């Protein structure tokens, strides 16, 4: 027996598309399901200025296959040399929807990020003035801080001081991974939102480490303990509009993921929505799925909910997803949730 859900077409509020051959390979996987996505700017070199964001947007639209509709929502990579006037102009033009803060060294291609937060004060104040959101990769990078504690320490040492010093600054805590992150959002006002990924919603660090290291579950921020995953799960299915989907789908060539020192990221674009439908159904919360994937994000960013729809269909037999997709001379391995998924986008 089949079961169908017709939902407003969703958006992805945290997405890596890369560039060149990788962009051409992975973009259709997002565009067939998602209407819009916040595009991460951590290319090499990074997307720092409005002109660079416009050029990257053009490359994305050129790579979009005929017959597909998709709107890239561009971001700027915050550096200690970012010009507040350029940020304001890029936002006023309608091009740029957010600015991304990477603490230097926190994740893939983050070497140009921020080390001295006093040097970005003028940019943050301008963003608060014009209502432009700051998307944060919420981890400190101090060598003496355990990797499993970096998000909690970031909240205390960096994020809370920034928000207190910059009233009115709208902030998205991207890919939260801890109960600390959930609790911080719940304790604050509507100027603060958070995205949750597929992998952090369904996996904990045992899934990655017990019985051998599973490199395709390795991502940054790293998977945490099960009590943190349970807090994320409760937030996602709660219906609270401060929590919404950001897949952080991050393609890497398979050989880079399966290397001795493997790259961080999970490629979830092809199957994120079916996995989420399965997860919400198991929790008895299918009625909350549309809010999480289609409504809460637009509300935070001040954008309309998409007028077109998608259909999610449940079947008796598990859905089969491709193990890999081709990307130029390489392949990209598709995320495997580790359990049967009976839903598909039809």
Foldseek 3Di string as FASTA:
>chain_A
DKDKDKFFQFEAAAEEQAADLSNLFCLVLQQVRHAEYAYAQLYVVGAAFLVSLVVVQVRNVVSDDPPTHHHYAYEHEDALPRDLVRVVVSVVVVRHQAYEADAAPQAPNRPRHDDDVVSCLVNQQSCLVVVRAYEYLQFDDDPPDPLQCGNLVSVVPPVVVSCVVHPNHQYEDEQDQFLSVLVVLVVDDLSYAYEHALLSLQDAVCVQCPPHGDLLQFAPSGGHDPVGNVSVNCVLLVLPLRYAHHHNQDWDFPCQSVDPPHHHHHHASNPRVLSVCQSCVVVVRNVSVSSRGFNSVCVSSVHDTHPHIWMKMFDPDFDDDDQWTDRVVGITGHDDSPDGGRIDID
